[in-house]
Amino acid sequence: MLTYTLEKDRGQSLYISLYRHIRADIASGVLKAGDRLPSKRALAANLGVGVVTVETAYAQLIAEGYARAVERSGVYVCAIGDTARLTVAPLPPEPETPPQTPLLDLSGGGGEDVPFPFSVWVKTMRTVMAEQGQQILRPVDFRGAPELRRAISDHLYESRGMRVPSERIIVGAGNEHLYGLMVGLLGRQRIYAAEDPGYRKITEIYNANDVTLRHIPLDDAGLSVRELKKSGADIVHISPAHHYPTGIVMPIRRRNELLQWAYAQPERYILEDDYDSELRHSGTPVPPLFSMDSRERVLYLSTFSQTIAPSLRIAYVCLPGTLMERFCDTLGFYACAVPTFEQYTLARFISSGAYEKHLNRLRKRYRDKRERLMELVAESPLGKHCRILEAGAGTHFLLQLRSKLSDAELREAAKGRGLSVRFLSDYQSVPTDSGSMIFNYACLDLDRVPAALEILAELCRGEK
């Protein structure tokens, strides 16, 4: 009679434990081909478990070909051939104590949540379900639901002065998904360029797509066109509206220089990443390169992650007409990766005017938060050891710290005091000490900021 010690493993049923024991005996040769397994009732009685437990374990063994059932006879071990011995890797142990939460995460927020229009969103979802019915269960065009693409087209015209036919808009599951699609569209054999310093995930995605990537340094006006020309790149990925992490807003002269670079050779393109252009705190957003482009060389990408919620995972790209035709021919077999229901909900949210109201509230919230933070910095002991660098846009600014410590030393010292911080050097291809700390205030709890500023002041004074 088979005898095993059965244990529930992290919520898994007893039958899984029994199945694994018998499977291991078959694989190791303890149970040989043709051996008859004990009857369900006999084995259940011997192990002190229910008959259903044994029956389910046997069913799994039969399904995987380790055993076979013979009518009116029983369950027999099958020949499995000469295979490597089966081993089940143990699950990693649960951490004895949860990781320590920093006092404050100044690099990525942490603390209070980004404001989300829950009541309006829920109401919009109900309206969509009532109006669309079965339509929300059907697949949509590979470019995205027509309703959402029309809503985005209208919003771009009203907010950015962009005239983009909805037929040239592609909806994707976040900017990162679209980056990969654009590589497939423009070609993996091309040379790509990205800003340095820049958003690190852009580099990671291009590297994952196995393309040649050049890092182009910035000057006071943004990406250096002179260095871009030297790089031999065919395609450049930029964020001219508000660069992360420097905060640079690219002036019109540099934008024109970039367009002239693209026009100088056939098949040169600019990927304009406009991820947080909606969040400008003074004046109006700078017109996008896409609107200035007269020869169809600019692809415009944006996302709703920054203004609604990161988990929404809805972004879009506006393509020149010639590239839209190429996309349909070469990548039109892809299905839209965004759930249909979410697309209809967002379309309604935009077209009803709720999105614009939400944006206005968001801008005011971030503007007030930014002003209060600047006051706190100026009033704190750190005010004597830093300078604020910012461009009145987005949800972050730079703190230029005066300290004898390197960026890495400051980062580690801050970590030891419960602060999570990042510096400009963390976003460079070749890190160089700058003393410029990223101060991301999107999710920051203002009540906890004074204590954090006091700690930073102590570190800048050399007090650890």
Protein backbone atom coordinates (compact mmCIF):
# COMPACT_ATOMS: atom_id res chain seq x y z
CA MET A 1 0.00 0.00 0.00
CA LEU A 2 1.28 3.45 -0.89
CA THR A 3 1.94 5.60 2.16
CA TYR A 4 2.77 9.29 1.94
CA THR A 5 2.75 12.30 4.23
CA LEU A 6 0.43 14.77 2.58
CA GLU A 7 0.64 18.48 3.32
CA LYS A 8 -1.20 21.46 2.00
CA ASP A 9 1.39 23.71 0.40
CA ARG A 10 0.48 27.42 0.40
CA GLY A 11 -3.22 26.88 -0.08
CA GLN A 12 -2.91 24.03 -2.60
CA SER A 13 -5.22 21.05 -2.17
CA LEU A 14 -4.13 17.70 -0.72
CA TYR A 15 -4.71 16.01 -4.07
CA ILE A 16 -1.80 18.06 -5.52
CA SER A 17 0.51 16.68 -2.84
CA LEU A 18 -0.66 13.11 -3.49
CA TYR A 19 -0.37 13.52 -7.26
CA ARG A 20 3.22 14.79 -6.91
CA HIS A 21 4.25 11.91 -4.64
CA ILE A 22 2.89 9.26 -7.02
CA ARG A 23 4.32 11.06 -10.05
CA ALA A 24 7.76 11.15 -8.41
CA ASP A 25 7.58 7.40 -7.67
CA ILE A 26 6.66 6.68 -11.29
CA ALA A 27 9.46 8.90 -12.64
CA SER A 28 12.06 7.37 -10.31
CA GLY A 29 11.05 3.79 -11.14
CA VAL A 30 9.67 2.91 -7.69
CA LEU A 31 6.35 2.36 -9.46
CA LYS A 32 6.96 0.48 -12.72
CA ALA A 33 4.99 0.34 -15.94
CA GLY A 34 2.06 -2.08 -15.52
CA ASP A 35 1.86 -1.75 -11.71
CA ARG A 36 -1.68 -1.43 -10.48
CA LEU A 37 -2.34 1.53 -8.19
CA PRO A 38 -4.40 0.91 -5.03
CA SER A 39 -8.15 1.36 -5.30
CA LYS A 40 -9.41 4.83 -4.49
CA ARG A 41 -11.21 3.74 -1.34
CA ALA A 42 -8.31 1.65 -0.04
CA LEU A 43 -5.74 4.41 -0.59
CA ALA A 44 -8.06 7.04 0.86
CA ALA A 45 -8.54 4.94 4.01
CA ASN A 46 -4.81 4.33 4.34
CA LEU A 47 -3.91 8.02 4.00
CA GLY A 48 -6.85 9.32 6.01
CA VAL A 49 -8.19 11.51 3.22
CA GLY A 50 -11.40 11.62 1.24
CA VAL A 51 -12.03 9.42 -1.78
CA VAL A 52 -12.43 12.57 -3.90
CA THR A 53 -8.83 13.56 -3.08
CA VAL A 54 -7.49 10.26 -4.43
CA GLU A 55 -9.85 10.31 -7.40
CA THR A 56 -8.72 13.83 -8.40
CA ALA A 57 -5.02 12.91 -8.03
CA TYR A 58 -5.52 9.82 -10.21
CA ALA A 59 -7.38 11.90 -12.80
CA GLN A 60 -4.44 14.29 -13.05
CA LEU A 61 -1.98 11.39 -13.47
CA ILE A 62 -4.16 9.91 -16.20
CA ALA A 63 -4.49 13.30 -17.95
CA GLU A 64 -0.69 13.68 -18.07
CA GLY A 65 -0.09 10.11 -19.27
CA TYR A 66 1.51 8.72 -16.12
CA ALA A 67 -1.35 6.25 -15.61
CA ARG A 68 -4.29 4.76 -17.46
CA ALA A 69 -7.67 3.59 -16.31
CA VAL A 70 -8.85 0.09 -17.30
CA GLU A 71 -12.60 -0.37 -17.05
CA ARG A 72 -13.64 -2.78 -14.25
CA SER A 73 -10.00 -3.38 -13.42
CA GLY A 74 -8.37 -0.28 -11.96
CA VAL A 75 -5.67 2.31 -12.61
CA TYR A 76 -2.28 1.16 -13.94
CA VAL A 77 1.10 2.87 -14.29
CA CYS A 78 2.07 3.72 -17.87
CA ALA A 79 5.50 3.41 -19.50
CA ILE A 80 6.93 6.92 -19.69
CA GLY A 81 10.23 6.17 -21.43
CA ASP A 82 13.73 7.23 -20.47
CA THR A 83 13.34 10.78 -19.21
CA ALA A 84 15.15 13.01 -16.82
CA ARG A 85 14.06 12.54 -13.25
CA LEU A 86 11.31 14.94 -12.33
CA THR A 87 12.16 17.44 -9.65
CA VAL A 88 9.85 20.03 -8.22
CA ALA A 89 11.69 23.18 -7.29
CA PRO A 90 10.72 24.32 -3.81
CA LEU A 91 8.86 27.56 -3.58
CA PRO A 92 10.96 30.40 -2.20
CA PRO A 93 10.35 31.01 1.50
CA GLU A 94 8.09 33.84 2.52
CA PRO A 95 10.07 36.81 3.87
CA GLU A 96 10.03 36.78 7.65
CA THR A 97 9.43 40.52 7.73
CA PRO A 98 7.99 42.72 4.99
CA PRO A 99 10.44 45.10 3.30
CA GLN A 100 10.76 48.36 5.16
CA THR A 101 8.70 51.18 3.68
CA PRO A 102 10.80 54.32 3.34
CA LEU A 103 9.81 57.40 5.29
CA LEU A 104 9.26 59.07 1.95
CA ASP A 105 9.87 58.17 -1.69
CA LEU A 106 10.95 61.44 -3.28
CA SER A 107 11.79 59.87 -6.63
CA GLY A 108 8.49 58.21 -7.48
CA GLY A 109 5.94 59.45 -4.99
CA GLY A 110 4.52 57.03 -2.45
CA GLY A 111 2.01 58.16 0.14
CA GLU A 112 -1.33 59.61 -0.90
CA ASP A 113 -2.91 58.36 -4.10
CA VAL A 114 -3.16 60.22 -7.36
CA PRO A 115 -6.69 61.68 -7.50
CA PHE A 116 -8.98 59.44 -9.54
CA PRO A 117 -12.56 60.39 -10.53
CA PHE A 118 -14.10 57.21 -9.13
CA SER A 119 -17.75 58.34 -9.06
CA VAL A 120 -17.66 59.74 -12.60
CA TRP A 121 -15.79 56.70 -13.93
CA VAL A 122 -18.28 54.27 -12.38
CA LYS A 123 -21.20 56.27 -13.77
CA THR A 124 -19.55 56.27 -17.20
CA MET A 125 -19.05 52.51 -17.07
CA ARG A 126 -22.74 51.98 -16.27
CA THR A 127 -23.77 54.24 -19.14
CA VAL A 128 -21.51 52.35 -21.56
CA MET A 129 -22.90 48.99 -20.45
CA ALA A 130 -26.46 50.24 -20.91
CA GLU A 131 -25.82 51.81 -24.32
CA GLN A 132 -23.39 49.33 -25.86
CA GLY A 133 -24.76 46.05 -24.48
CA GLN A 134 -23.31 43.07 -26.34
CA GLN A 135 -21.05 45.38 -28.35
CA ILE A 136 -18.54 45.55 -25.46
CA LEU A 137 -17.98 41.78 -25.81
CA ARG A 138 -16.98 41.97 -29.46
CA PRO A 139 -13.43 42.62 -30.74
CA VAL A 140 -12.71 46.05 -32.18
CA ASP A 141 -10.61 47.28 -35.10
CA PHE A 142 -6.89 46.50 -34.70
CA ARG A 143 -6.28 50.25 -34.39
CA GLY A 144 -8.73 50.54 -31.49
CA ALA A 145 -12.44 51.27 -31.08
CA PRO A 146 -13.56 53.96 -33.59
CA GLU A 147 -15.37 55.79 -30.76
CA LEU A 148 -12.14 56.14 -28.77
CA ARG A 149 -10.05 57.17 -31.77
CA ARG A 150 -12.61 59.87 -32.65
CA ALA A 151 -12.65 61.10 -29.05
CA ILE A 152 -8.84 61.29 -29.02
CA SER A 153 -8.85 63.10 -32.37
CA ASP A 154 -11.31 65.71 -31.07
CA HIS A 155 -9.38 66.11 -27.82
CA LEU A 156 -6.08 66.66 -29.64
CA TYR A 157 -7.65 69.38 -31.77
CA GLU A 158 -9.26 71.15 -28.82
CA SER A 159 -6.29 70.89 -26.43
CA ARG A 160 -3.24 70.87 -28.72
CA GLY A 161 -4.49 72.33 -32.01
CA MET A 162 -3.59 69.07 -33.78
CA ARG A 163 -5.58 67.94 -36.79
CA VAL A 164 -5.29 64.14 -36.83
CA PRO A 165 -7.87 61.98 -38.63
CA SER A 166 -9.07 59.18 -36.36
CA GLU A 167 -8.03 56.69 -39.05
CA ARG A 168 -4.39 57.55 -38.34
CA ILE A 169 -4.58 56.91 -34.59
CA ILE A 170 -3.57 53.55 -33.09
CA VAL A 171 -4.55 52.65 -29.53
CA GLY A 172 -2.17 50.48 -27.51
CA ALA A 173 -1.74 49.02 -24.03
CA GLY A 174 0.55 51.74 -22.74
CA ASN A 175 3.44 53.61 -24.31
CA GLU A 176 5.82 50.71 -23.71
CA HIS A 177 3.66 48.44 -25.89
CA LEU A 178 3.60 51.08 -28.62
CA TYR A 179 7.39 51.55 -28.52
CA GLY A 180 7.76 47.89 -29.49
CA LEU A 181 5.17 48.19 -32.26
CA MET A 182 6.95 51.23 -33.69
CA VAL A 183 10.22 49.28 -33.84
CA GLY A 184 8.37 46.62 -35.83
CA LEU A 185 6.99 49.32 -38.11
CA LEU A 186 10.19 51.32 -38.68
CA GLY A 187 12.56 48.34 -38.72
CA ARG A 188 15.01 46.62 -36.37
CA GLN A 189 17.93 47.18 -38.73
CA ARG A 190 17.77 50.95 -38.28
CA ILE A 191 19.87 52.97 -35.83
CA TYR A 192 17.78 54.55 -33.06
CA ALA A 193 18.70 57.46 -30.79
CA ALA A 194 17.40 58.46 -27.36
CA GLU A 195 17.99 61.35 -24.97
CA ASP A 196 20.77 61.06 -22.40
CA PRO A 197 19.83 61.42 -19.58
CA GLY A 198 16.41 60.01 -20.27
CA TYR A 199 13.63 57.74 -19.13
CA ARG A 200 15.42 54.46 -18.50
CA LYS A 201 12.65 52.18 -19.71
CA ILE A 202 12.97 53.57 -23.24
CA THR A 203 16.53 52.25 -23.41
CA GLU A 204 15.47 48.91 -21.91
CA ILE A 205 12.68 48.46 -24.46
CA TYR A 206 14.90 49.28 -27.44
CA ASN A 207 17.57 46.93 -26.13
CA ALA A 208 14.96 44.19 -25.68
CA ASN A 209 13.97 44.70 -29.32
CA ASP A 210 17.60 44.12 -30.33
CA VAL A 211 18.11 47.43 -32.12
CA THR A 212 21.22 49.60 -32.24
CA LEU A 213 20.69 52.49 -29.84
CA ARG A 214 22.74 55.68 -29.54
CA HIS A 215 22.51 57.90 -26.45
CA ILE A 216 22.53 61.58 -27.40
CA PRO A 217 23.53 64.18 -24.78
CA LEU A 218 21.40 67.22 -23.97
CA ASP A 219 22.24 70.89 -23.74
CA ASP A 220 20.12 73.74 -22.39
CA ALA A 221 17.69 73.42 -25.33
CA GLY A 222 17.28 69.66 -25.19
CA LEU A 223 18.70 66.93 -27.40
CA SER A 224 21.82 68.07 -29.26
CA VAL A 225 21.19 67.98 -33.01
CA ARG A 226 24.93 68.29 -33.64
CA GLU A 227 25.58 65.08 -31.67
CA LEU A 228 22.56 63.44 -33.30
CA LYS A 229 24.09 64.04 -36.74
CA LYS A 230 27.36 62.46 -35.59
CA SER A 231 25.57 59.36 -34.29
CA GLY A 232 24.41 58.12 -37.69
CA ALA A 233 20.92 57.51 -36.28
CA ASP A 234 17.87 57.19 -38.54
CA ILE A 235 15.21 57.52 -35.84
CA VAL A 236 15.25 59.65 -32.70
CA HIS A 237 13.00 59.30 -29.64
CA ILE A 238 12.45 62.61 -27.85
CA SER A 239 10.15 64.24 -25.27
CA PRO A 240 10.23 67.93 -26.28
CA ALA A 241 7.18 69.14 -24.32
CA HIS A 242 8.73 68.38 -20.93
CA HIS A 243 11.78 66.19 -20.78
CA TYR A 244 12.15 63.63 -18.03
CA PRO A 245 14.12 63.96 -15.84
CA THR A 246 15.70 67.37 -16.64
CA GLY A 247 12.40 69.21 -17.14
CA ILE A 248 13.69 70.94 -20.29
CA VAL A 249 11.03 72.33 -22.65
CA MET A 250 12.51 72.31 -26.14
CA PRO A 251 12.39 75.78 -27.76
CA ILE A 252 11.06 76.35 -31.25
CA ARG A 253 14.51 76.81 -32.81
CA ARG A 254 15.69 73.37 -31.66
CA ARG A 255 12.44 71.82 -32.87
CA ASN A 256 13.00 73.26 -36.33
CA GLU A 257 16.58 71.96 -36.29
CA LEU A 258 15.30 68.47 -35.53
CA LEU A 259 12.79 68.64 -38.37
CA GLN A 260 15.51 69.74 -40.79
CA TRP A 261 17.63 66.78 -39.62
CA ALA A 262 14.72 64.44 -40.41
CA TYR A 263 14.11 66.02 -43.83
CA ALA A 264 17.78 65.74 -44.84
CA GLN A 265 17.56 61.99 -45.55
CA PRO A 266 14.72 59.68 -46.65
CA GLU A 267 13.25 57.37 -44.00
CA ARG A 268 14.40 59.49 -41.06
CA TYR A 269 11.75 59.75 -38.37
CA ILE A 270 11.13 61.46 -35.04
CA LEU A 271 9.20 59.68 -32.27
CA GLU A 272 7.66 62.52 -30.27
CA ASP A 273 6.80 61.27 -26.78
CA ASP A 274 4.32 63.77 -25.30
CA TYR A 275 3.57 61.78 -22.14
CA ASP A 276 2.77 64.68 -19.75
CA SER A 277 2.10 67.66 -22.00
CA GLU A 278 -1.36 68.04 -20.43
CA LEU A 279 0.19 69.03 -17.10
CA ARG A 280 1.49 72.52 -17.78
CA HIS A 281 1.08 74.94 -14.86
CA SER A 282 1.44 78.26 -16.66
CA GLY A 283 0.79 79.43 -20.20
CA THR A 284 -0.26 77.06 -22.95
CA PRO A 285 1.51 73.88 -24.09
CA VAL A 286 4.19 74.37 -26.75
CA PRO A 287 2.86 73.22 -30.15
CA PRO A 288 3.99 69.65 -30.85
CA LEU A 289 6.48 68.78 -33.55
CA PHE A 290 3.73 66.73 -35.18
CA SER A 291 1.83 69.94 -35.99
CA MET A 292 4.98 71.58 -37.42
CA ASP A 293 5.85 68.62 -39.64
CA SER A 294 5.19 69.27 -43.33
CA ARG A 295 6.74 66.07 -44.73
CA GLU A 296 5.24 63.30 -42.58
CA ARG A 297 8.33 62.45 -40.53
CA VAL A 298 6.94 62.75 -36.98
CA LEU A 299 5.12 60.04 -35.00
CA TYR A 300 3.26 61.41 -31.98
CA LEU A 301 2.83 59.22 -28.87
CA SER A 302 0.92 60.02 -25.70
CA THR A 303 -0.74 58.21 -22.82
CA PHE A 304 -3.54 58.53 -20.28
CA SER A 305 -1.45 56.88 -17.55
CA GLN A 306 -0.12 60.21 -16.30
CA THR A 307 -3.49 61.97 -16.13
CA ILE A 308 -5.96 59.23 -15.19
CA ALA A 309 -4.17 56.22 -13.69
CA PRO A 310 -1.02 54.21 -14.51
CA SER A 311 -3.02 50.99 -14.31
CA LEU A 312 -5.37 52.13 -17.10
CA ARG A 313 -2.65 51.17 -19.63
CA ILE A 314 -4.13 53.07 -22.57
CA ALA A 315 -1.88 55.05 -24.89
CA TYR A 316 -1.99 56.03 -28.54
CA VAL A 317 0.22 56.94 -31.46
CA CYS A 318 -0.62 59.27 -34.35
CA LEU A 319 1.05 58.20 -37.58
CA PRO A 320 1.80 60.05 -40.82
CA GLY A 321 -0.37 58.82 -43.69
CA THR A 322 2.39 56.86 -45.43
CA LEU A 323 3.32 55.04 -42.23
CA MET A 324 -0.33 54.26 -41.50
CA GLU A 325 -0.53 52.43 -44.81
CA ARG A 326 2.68 50.56 -43.97
CA PHE A 327 1.33 49.66 -40.53
CA CYS A 328 -1.85 48.22 -42.02
CA ASP A 329 0.15 46.15 -44.50
CA THR A 330 2.81 44.82 -42.12
CA LEU A 331 1.30 44.86 -38.62
CA GLY A 332 -2.44 44.94 -39.23
CA PHE A 333 -2.70 41.31 -38.10
CA TYR A 334 -2.20 42.40 -34.47
CA ALA A 335 -5.34 42.63 -32.36
CA CYS A 336 -5.81 45.74 -30.26
CA ALA A 337 -4.32 44.93 -26.83
CA VAL A 338 -6.69 47.17 -24.83
CA PRO A 339 -9.96 45.64 -23.48
CA THR A 340 -12.96 46.83 -25.47
CA PHE A 341 -14.98 47.84 -22.40
CA GLU A 342 -12.19 50.13 -21.17
CA GLN A 343 -11.92 51.72 -24.61
CA TYR A 344 -15.63 52.53 -24.75
CA THR A 345 -15.53 53.86 -21.19
CA LEU A 346 -12.58 56.15 -21.90
CA ALA A 347 -14.18 57.32 -25.15
CA ARG A 348 -17.32 58.32 -23.27
CA PHE A 349 -15.27 59.89 -20.48
CA ILE A 350 -13.50 62.12 -23.01
CA SER A 351 -16.43 62.99 -25.26
CA SER A 352 -18.72 63.87 -22.33
CA GLY A 353 -16.32 66.57 -21.14
CA ALA A 354 -15.53 64.69 -17.92
CA TYR A 355 -11.89 64.24 -18.90
CA GLU A 356 -11.34 67.96 -19.43
CA LYS A 357 -12.93 68.72 -16.04
CA HIS A 358 -10.69 66.10 -14.45
CA LEU A 359 -7.62 67.63 -16.13
CA ASN A 360 -8.49 71.09 -14.82
CA ARG A 361 -8.80 69.75 -11.28
CA LEU A 362 -5.56 67.83 -11.69
CA ARG A 363 -3.67 70.87 -12.96
CA LYS A 364 -4.88 72.97 -10.03
CA ARG A 365 -4.00 70.24 -7.56
CA TYR A 366 -0.48 69.82 -8.90
CA ARG A 367 0.03 73.59 -9.28
CA ASP A 368 -0.98 74.19 -5.66
CA LYS A 369 1.12 71.24 -4.50
CA ARG A 370 4.16 72.47 -6.43
CA GLU A 371 3.87 75.98 -4.98
CA ARG A 372 3.50 74.64 -1.44
CA LEU A 373 6.50 72.35 -1.90
CA MET A 374 8.64 75.23 -3.06
CA GLU A 375 7.61 77.17 0.02
CA LEU A 376 8.48 74.21 2.24
CA VAL A 377 11.89 73.87 0.60
CA ALA A 378 12.60 77.60 0.96
CA GLU A 379 11.53 77.62 4.64
CA SER A 380 13.43 74.44 5.54
CA PRO A 381 17.09 74.09 6.57
CA LEU A 382 17.67 72.55 3.13
CA GLY A 383 16.84 75.88 1.50
CA LYS A 384 20.39 77.08 2.18
CA HIS A 385 21.88 73.99 0.52
CA CYS A 386 19.89 73.69 -2.70
CA ARG A 387 18.49 75.38 -5.78
CA ILE A 388 15.23 74.46 -7.50
CA LEU A 389 15.39 73.82 -11.26
CA GLU A 390 12.04 73.47 -12.99
CA ALA A 391 10.02 74.54 -16.00
CA GLY A 392 6.51 74.90 -14.62
CA ALA A 393 5.26 71.62 -16.08
CA GLY A 394 4.82 67.95 -15.24
CA THR A 395 4.91 66.52 -11.72
CA HIS A 396 8.57 66.82 -10.80
CA PHE A 397 11.41 69.29 -10.50
CA LEU A 398 15.12 69.08 -9.77
CA LEU A 399 16.80 70.00 -6.49
CA GLN A 400 20.40 71.04 -7.12
CA LEU A 401 22.03 70.07 -3.82
CA ARG A 402 25.24 71.60 -2.50
CA SER A 403 27.10 68.77 -0.83
CA LYS A 404 30.58 67.27 -0.72
CA LEU A 405 29.06 63.80 -1.10
CA SER A 406 28.71 62.08 -4.48
CA ASP A 407 25.28 61.18 -5.84
CA ALA A 408 25.80 57.54 -4.85
CA GLU A 409 26.91 58.49 -1.35
CA LEU A 410 23.95 60.79 -0.87
CA ARG A 411 21.58 58.10 -2.16
CA GLU A 412 22.92 55.50 0.26
CA ALA A 413 23.00 57.93 3.18
CA ALA A 414 19.40 58.94 2.47
CA LYS A 415 18.38 55.30 2.28
CA GLY A 416 19.90 54.74 5.69
CA ARG A 417 17.68 57.53 7.02
CA GLY A 418 14.52 56.14 5.40
CA LEU A 419 14.42 58.21 2.20
CA SER A 420 14.31 56.89 -1.36
CA VAL A 421 15.92 59.35 -3.76
CA ARG A 422 17.27 59.38 -7.32
CA PHE A 423 19.61 61.72 -9.10
CA LEU A 424 20.08 62.88 -12.66
CA SER A 425 23.06 60.53 -12.86
CA ASP A 426 20.70 57.56 -12.35
CA TYR A 427 19.23 58.33 -15.78
CA GLN A 428 22.51 58.72 -17.69
CA SER A 429 24.08 56.03 -19.86
CA VAL A 430 27.41 56.87 -18.19
CA PRO A 431 26.60 58.19 -14.70
CA THR A 432 28.27 61.49 -13.82
CA ASP A 433 27.81 63.18 -10.46
CA SER A 434 25.47 66.12 -10.80
CA GLY A 435 24.01 66.73 -7.33
CA SER A 436 20.64 67.14 -9.07
CA MET A 437 17.99 65.17 -7.22
CA ILE A 438 14.65 64.25 -8.84
CA PHE A 439 11.79 65.57 -6.69
CA ASN A 440 8.62 63.82 -7.89
CA TYR A 441 5.58 65.21 -6.11
CA ALA A 442 2.67 63.51 -7.92
CA CYS A 443 1.84 61.18 -5.02
CA LEU A 444 3.76 62.93 -2.27
CA ASP A 445 2.24 63.35 1.19
CA LEU A 446 2.98 66.99 2.04
CA ASP A 447 2.72 66.38 5.79
CA ARG A 448 5.79 64.16 5.65
CA VAL A 449 7.93 66.49 3.54
CA PRO A 450 9.37 68.75 6.30
CA ALA A 451 10.96 65.79 8.09
CA ALA A 452 12.46 64.57 4.80
CA LEU A 453 13.87 68.02 4.02
CA GLU A 454 15.45 68.17 7.47
CA ILE A 455 17.19 64.84 6.82
CA LEU A 456 18.46 66.00 3.43
CA ALA A 457 19.79 69.19 5.00
CA GLU A 458 21.70 67.15 7.59
CA LEU A 459 23.18 64.97 4.86
CA CYS A 460 24.26 67.98 2.83
CA ARG A 461 25.96 69.38 5.93
CA GLY A 462 27.78 66.08 6.29
CA GLU A 463 25.77 64.88 9.29
CA LYS A 464 24.96 61.19 8.93
